[in-house]
N, C-alpha and C. Protein backbone atom coordinates (compact mmCIF):
# COMPACT_ATOMS: atom_id res chain seq x y z
N ILE A 1 13.85 -10.84 0.02
CA ILE A 1 13.94 -10.14 -1.25
C ILE A 1 14.99 -9.04 -1.17
N LEU A 2 14.93 -8.28 -0.09
CA LEU A 2 15.88 -7.16 0.05
C LEU A 2 17.32 -7.66 0.10
N ALA A 3 17.56 -8.70 0.87
CA ALA A 3 18.92 -9.25 0.98
C ALA A 3 19.38 -9.80 -0.36
N ALA A 4 18.49 -10.46 -1.09
CA ALA A 4 18.85 -11.02 -2.40
C ALA A 4 19.22 -9.91 -3.38
N LEU A 5 18.44 -8.84 -3.39
CA LEU A 5 18.75 -7.72 -4.29
C LEU A 5 20.06 -7.06 -3.91
N ASP A 6 20.29 -6.90 -2.62
CA ASP A 6 21.56 -6.32 -2.18
C ASP A 6 22.75 -7.17 -2.60
N ARG A 7 22.60 -8.50 -2.52
CA ARG A 7 23.68 -9.41 -2.93
C ARG A 7 23.92 -9.34 -4.44
N LEU A 8 22.84 -9.18 -5.21
CA LEU A 8 22.97 -9.18 -6.67
C LEU A 8 23.46 -7.84 -7.23
N LYS A 9 23.27 -6.77 -6.46
CA LYS A 9 23.69 -5.45 -6.92
C LYS A 9 25.19 -5.47 -7.20
N GLY A 10 25.56 -4.99 -8.36
CA GLY A 10 26.96 -4.96 -8.75
C GLY A 10 27.45 -6.25 -9.39
N LYS A 11 26.67 -7.32 -9.27
CA LYS A 11 27.06 -8.60 -9.86
C LYS A 11 26.26 -8.92 -11.11
N GLU A 12 25.02 -8.47 -11.15
CA GLU A 12 24.13 -8.76 -12.28
C GLU A 12 23.65 -7.44 -12.87
N ALA A 13 23.87 -7.25 -14.16
CA ALA A 13 23.53 -5.98 -14.82
C ALA A 13 22.03 -5.68 -14.76
N TRP A 14 21.19 -6.70 -14.89
CA TRP A 14 19.75 -6.48 -14.93
C TRP A 14 19.20 -5.89 -13.64
N VAL A 15 19.93 -6.05 -12.53
CA VAL A 15 19.46 -5.53 -11.25
C VAL A 15 19.40 -4.00 -11.28
N GLU A 16 20.27 -3.38 -12.06
CA GLU A 16 20.27 -1.92 -12.15
C GLU A 16 18.97 -1.38 -12.72
N ASP A 17 18.23 -2.20 -13.47
CA ASP A 17 16.95 -1.77 -14.04
C ASP A 17 15.76 -2.12 -13.15
N CYS A 18 16.00 -2.75 -12.03
CA CYS A 18 14.91 -3.17 -11.14
C CYS A 18 14.51 -2.04 -10.19
N TRP A 19 13.22 -1.93 -9.98
CA TRP A 19 12.68 -1.03 -8.98
C TRP A 19 11.82 -1.87 -8.07
N LEU A 20 11.94 -1.67 -6.78
CA LEU A 20 11.14 -2.39 -5.80
C LEU A 20 10.30 -1.37 -5.04
N TRP A 21 8.99 -1.54 -5.10
CA TRP A 21 8.07 -0.61 -4.46
C TRP A 21 7.61 -1.18 -3.13
N MET A 22 7.83 -0.43 -2.06
CA MET A 22 7.44 -0.83 -0.71
C MET A 22 6.02 -0.35 -0.45
N TYR A 23 5.26 -1.21 0.22
CA TYR A 23 3.86 -0.97 0.50
C TYR A 23 3.63 -1.20 1.98
N ARG A 24 2.80 -0.40 2.59
CA ARG A 24 2.49 -0.61 4.00
C ARG A 24 1.14 -1.29 4.11
N GLY A 25 0.95 -1.99 5.18
CA GLY A 25 -0.30 -2.72 5.39
C GLY A 25 -1.43 -1.82 5.83
N ALA A 26 -2.45 -2.44 6.38
CA ALA A 26 -3.67 -1.72 6.73
C ALA A 26 -3.51 -0.79 7.93
N TRP A 27 -2.49 -0.99 8.74
CA TRP A 27 -2.37 -0.20 9.96
C TRP A 27 -1.69 1.13 9.77
N HIS A 28 -0.73 1.20 8.89
CA HIS A 28 0.08 2.41 8.77
C HIS A 28 0.16 2.85 7.31
N GLU A 29 0.33 4.14 7.13
CA GLU A 29 0.52 4.68 5.79
C GLU A 29 1.77 5.55 5.83
N PHE A 30 2.40 5.71 4.69
CA PHE A 30 3.53 6.61 4.60
C PHE A 30 3.04 8.04 4.81
N GLU A 31 3.93 8.88 5.29
CA GLU A 31 3.61 10.31 5.34
C GLU A 31 3.51 10.81 3.90
N THR A 32 2.70 11.82 3.69
CA THR A 32 2.47 12.32 2.33
C THR A 32 3.79 12.69 1.65
N TYR A 33 4.69 13.32 2.36
CA TYR A 33 5.96 13.74 1.76
C TYR A 33 6.88 12.56 1.42
N GLU A 34 6.60 11.39 1.97
CA GLU A 34 7.41 10.21 1.69
C GLU A 34 6.95 9.46 0.44
N ILE A 35 5.70 9.62 0.06
CA ILE A 35 5.11 8.83 -1.03
C ILE A 35 5.77 9.19 -2.35
N GLU A 36 6.24 8.16 -3.06
CA GLU A 36 6.89 8.35 -4.35
C GLU A 36 6.02 7.88 -5.51
N MET A 37 5.05 7.04 -5.23
CA MET A 37 4.11 6.61 -6.27
C MET A 37 2.75 6.42 -5.60
N ALA A 38 1.74 7.07 -6.15
CA ALA A 38 0.38 6.94 -5.64
C ALA A 38 -0.49 6.40 -6.77
N VAL A 39 -1.22 5.35 -6.47
CA VAL A 39 -2.07 4.70 -7.47
C VAL A 39 -3.52 4.93 -7.09
N PRO A 40 -4.24 5.74 -7.89
CA PRO A 40 -5.64 6.01 -7.57
C PRO A 40 -6.51 4.77 -7.76
N LEU A 41 -7.54 4.67 -6.92
CA LEU A 41 -8.51 3.58 -7.02
C LEU A 41 -9.90 4.16 -7.24
N SER A 42 -10.61 3.58 -8.18
CA SER A 42 -12.00 3.96 -8.42
C SER A 42 -12.89 3.26 -7.39
N PRO A 43 -14.15 3.66 -7.26
CA PRO A 43 -15.05 2.93 -6.36
C PRO A 43 -15.12 1.44 -6.68
N GLN A 44 -15.11 1.09 -7.95
CA GLN A 44 -15.16 -0.32 -8.34
C GLN A 44 -13.89 -1.06 -7.93
N GLU A 45 -12.75 -0.38 -8.02
CA GLU A 45 -11.49 -1.01 -7.62
C GLU A 45 -11.42 -1.21 -6.11
N VAL A 46 -12.01 -0.29 -5.35
CA VAL A 46 -12.06 -0.45 -3.90
C VAL A 46 -12.86 -1.70 -3.55
N ILE A 47 -13.98 -1.90 -4.22
CA ILE A 47 -14.80 -3.10 -3.99
C ILE A 47 -14.03 -4.35 -4.40
N ARG A 48 -13.33 -4.27 -5.52
CA ARG A 48 -12.55 -5.42 -5.98
C ARG A 48 -11.45 -5.78 -4.97
N LYS A 49 -10.80 -4.77 -4.41
CA LYS A 49 -9.79 -5.02 -3.39
C LYS A 49 -10.42 -5.65 -2.16
N ARG A 50 -11.58 -5.13 -1.74
CA ARG A 50 -12.28 -5.70 -0.59
C ARG A 50 -12.58 -7.18 -0.83
N ASN A 51 -13.08 -7.50 -2.00
CA ASN A 51 -13.38 -8.90 -2.33
C ASN A 51 -12.12 -9.77 -2.31
N ALA A 52 -11.01 -9.21 -2.77
CA ALA A 52 -9.74 -9.95 -2.73
C ALA A 52 -9.32 -10.22 -1.29
N ILE A 53 -9.51 -9.23 -0.42
CA ILE A 53 -9.19 -9.42 1.00
C ILE A 53 -10.06 -10.53 1.58
N PHE A 54 -11.35 -10.53 1.23
CA PHE A 54 -12.26 -11.57 1.74
C PHE A 54 -11.81 -12.96 1.32
N LYS A 55 -11.20 -13.08 0.15
CA LYS A 55 -10.77 -14.38 -0.35
C LYS A 55 -9.45 -14.84 0.24
N HIS A 56 -8.73 -13.94 0.87
CA HIS A 56 -7.43 -14.26 1.45
C HIS A 56 -7.64 -14.62 2.92
N GLN A 57 -7.56 -15.88 3.23
CA GLN A 57 -7.94 -16.40 4.55
C GLN A 57 -7.27 -15.65 5.71
N SER A 58 -5.99 -15.34 5.59
CA SER A 58 -5.29 -14.70 6.71
C SER A 58 -5.72 -13.26 6.93
N GLN A 59 -6.44 -12.67 5.98
CA GLN A 59 -6.85 -11.27 6.09
C GLN A 59 -8.30 -11.11 6.52
N LYS A 60 -9.00 -12.20 6.68
CA LYS A 60 -10.41 -12.13 7.02
C LYS A 60 -10.59 -11.86 8.51
N ASP A 61 -11.65 -11.13 8.80
CA ASP A 61 -12.06 -10.87 10.18
C ASP A 61 -10.91 -10.28 11.00
N THR A 62 -10.62 -10.88 12.13
CA THR A 62 -9.58 -10.35 13.01
C THR A 62 -8.20 -10.80 12.53
N PRO A 63 -7.30 -9.87 12.26
CA PRO A 63 -5.96 -10.24 11.80
C PRO A 63 -5.13 -10.87 12.91
N VAL A 64 -4.05 -11.50 12.52
CA VAL A 64 -3.18 -12.19 13.46
C VAL A 64 -2.61 -11.24 14.50
N PHE A 65 -2.20 -10.05 14.08
CA PHE A 65 -1.64 -9.05 14.99
C PHE A 65 -2.49 -7.79 14.95
N PRO A 66 -3.67 -7.81 15.57
CA PRO A 66 -4.61 -6.70 15.43
C PRO A 66 -4.23 -5.43 16.17
N GLY A 67 -3.33 -5.51 17.14
CA GLY A 67 -3.01 -4.33 17.92
C GLY A 67 -4.23 -3.91 18.71
N ASP A 68 -4.40 -2.61 18.93
CA ASP A 68 -5.55 -2.15 19.69
C ASP A 68 -6.63 -1.53 18.80
N ASP A 69 -6.56 -1.80 17.52
CA ASP A 69 -7.56 -1.32 16.56
C ASP A 69 -8.58 -2.44 16.35
N ALA A 70 -9.82 -2.22 16.77
CA ALA A 70 -10.85 -3.27 16.74
C ALA A 70 -11.50 -3.46 15.36
N ARG A 71 -11.21 -2.56 14.43
CA ARG A 71 -11.85 -2.69 13.11
C ARG A 71 -11.36 -3.94 12.39
N GLU A 72 -12.23 -4.47 11.54
CA GLU A 72 -11.83 -5.60 10.71
C GLU A 72 -10.78 -5.13 9.71
N PHE A 73 -9.98 -6.08 9.24
CA PHE A 73 -8.86 -5.75 8.35
C PHE A 73 -9.32 -4.98 7.12
N TRP A 74 -10.38 -5.44 6.46
CA TRP A 74 -10.83 -4.80 5.22
C TRP A 74 -11.30 -3.38 5.49
N VAL A 75 -11.93 -3.14 6.63
CA VAL A 75 -12.38 -1.79 6.98
C VAL A 75 -11.18 -0.88 7.19
N ARG A 76 -10.20 -1.40 7.91
CA ARG A 76 -8.99 -0.63 8.16
C ARG A 76 -8.27 -0.30 6.86
N ALA A 77 -8.19 -1.28 5.95
CA ALA A 77 -7.52 -1.06 4.66
C ALA A 77 -8.24 0.00 3.84
N GLU A 78 -9.57 -0.08 3.80
CA GLU A 78 -10.34 0.92 3.04
C GLU A 78 -10.21 2.30 3.66
N ASP A 79 -10.27 2.38 4.98
CA ASP A 79 -10.12 3.68 5.64
C ASP A 79 -8.75 4.30 5.34
N ARG A 80 -7.70 3.47 5.35
CA ARG A 80 -6.35 3.97 5.09
C ARG A 80 -6.23 4.52 3.68
N THR A 81 -6.74 3.79 2.69
CA THR A 81 -6.60 4.25 1.31
C THR A 81 -7.49 5.46 1.03
N ARG A 82 -8.64 5.53 1.68
CA ARG A 82 -9.49 6.72 1.52
C ARG A 82 -8.84 7.94 2.15
N ASP A 83 -8.22 7.75 3.29
CA ASP A 83 -7.53 8.86 3.95
C ASP A 83 -6.38 9.38 3.07
N THR A 84 -5.64 8.49 2.45
CA THR A 84 -4.55 8.90 1.56
C THR A 84 -5.10 9.73 0.41
N ALA A 85 -6.20 9.29 -0.18
CA ALA A 85 -6.82 10.05 -1.28
C ALA A 85 -7.28 11.42 -0.80
N GLN A 86 -7.83 11.49 0.40
CA GLN A 86 -8.29 12.77 0.94
C GLN A 86 -7.12 13.72 1.19
N ARG A 87 -5.99 13.17 1.62
CA ARG A 87 -4.80 14.03 1.82
C ARG A 87 -4.35 14.64 0.50
N TYR A 88 -4.36 13.86 -0.57
CA TYR A 88 -3.99 14.38 -1.89
C TYR A 88 -5.01 15.41 -2.37
N ASP A 89 -6.28 15.16 -2.10
CA ASP A 89 -7.33 16.10 -2.47
C ASP A 89 -7.13 17.44 -1.75
N ARG A 90 -6.80 17.39 -0.47
CA ARG A 90 -6.57 18.63 0.30
C ARG A 90 -5.37 19.41 -0.22
N LEU A 91 -4.46 18.74 -0.90
CA LEU A 91 -3.31 19.42 -1.51
C LEU A 91 -3.67 20.06 -2.85
N GLY A 92 -4.91 19.86 -3.28
CA GLY A 92 -5.36 20.43 -4.55
C GLY A 92 -5.19 19.51 -5.74
N LEU A 93 -4.86 18.26 -5.49
CA LEU A 93 -4.69 17.29 -6.58
C LEU A 93 -6.03 16.63 -6.88
N ALA A 94 -6.05 15.80 -7.88
CA ALA A 94 -7.30 15.17 -8.32
C ALA A 94 -7.95 14.38 -7.18
N GLU A 95 -9.27 14.33 -7.23
CA GLU A 95 -10.04 13.63 -6.21
C GLU A 95 -10.33 12.20 -6.66
N TYR A 96 -10.02 11.25 -5.79
CA TYR A 96 -10.27 9.83 -6.07
C TYR A 96 -10.97 9.20 -4.89
N GLU A 97 -11.56 8.06 -5.12
CA GLU A 97 -12.22 7.30 -4.05
C GLU A 97 -11.21 6.86 -2.99
N ALA A 98 -10.08 6.37 -3.45
CA ALA A 98 -9.04 5.88 -2.55
C ALA A 98 -7.71 5.91 -3.31
N MET A 99 -6.63 5.68 -2.59
CA MET A 99 -5.32 5.74 -3.22
C MET A 99 -4.34 4.84 -2.46
N GLU A 100 -3.63 4.00 -3.21
CA GLU A 100 -2.57 3.17 -2.64
C GLU A 100 -1.26 3.94 -2.76
N ALA A 101 -0.44 3.87 -1.73
CA ALA A 101 0.81 4.62 -1.70
C ALA A 101 2.01 3.68 -1.62
N PHE A 102 3.08 4.08 -2.30
CA PHE A 102 4.29 3.27 -2.36
C PHE A 102 5.53 4.16 -2.22
N VAL A 103 6.58 3.58 -1.68
CA VAL A 103 7.88 4.23 -1.59
C VAL A 103 8.89 3.28 -2.23
N ARG A 104 9.76 3.84 -3.04
CA ARG A 104 10.75 3.01 -3.73
C ARG A 104 11.88 2.62 -2.78
N TYR A 105 12.18 1.33 -2.76
CA TYR A 105 13.33 0.84 -2.01
C TYR A 105 14.55 1.00 -2.91
N LYS A 106 15.49 1.79 -2.46
CA LYS A 106 16.69 2.05 -3.27
C LYS A 106 17.81 1.14 -2.81
N PHE A 107 18.29 0.33 -3.74
CA PHE A 107 19.36 -0.62 -3.41
C PHE A 107 20.50 -0.48 -4.38
């Protein structure tokens, strides 16, 4: 995707209106100062995300590249998004159950 967008930049006018949001997986999160878009999740949305992970075969139980973290993928994902929400809360911002973080890829 990144290579395709880089090739199209300057050749196709519509590319100038495109924004690509980068997302990190369950193991790592962006530093708070790096986050450009944060999407709050309600308790119900956290459960919905968990159920979606359960339905995605490659994300169930032990992931393909688990590293040295023994937690199941869905637990790791929930812990990461809850931690992000807690970091925003400690900054004095609104309190949420969890929060997904994104950084814009600039091309």
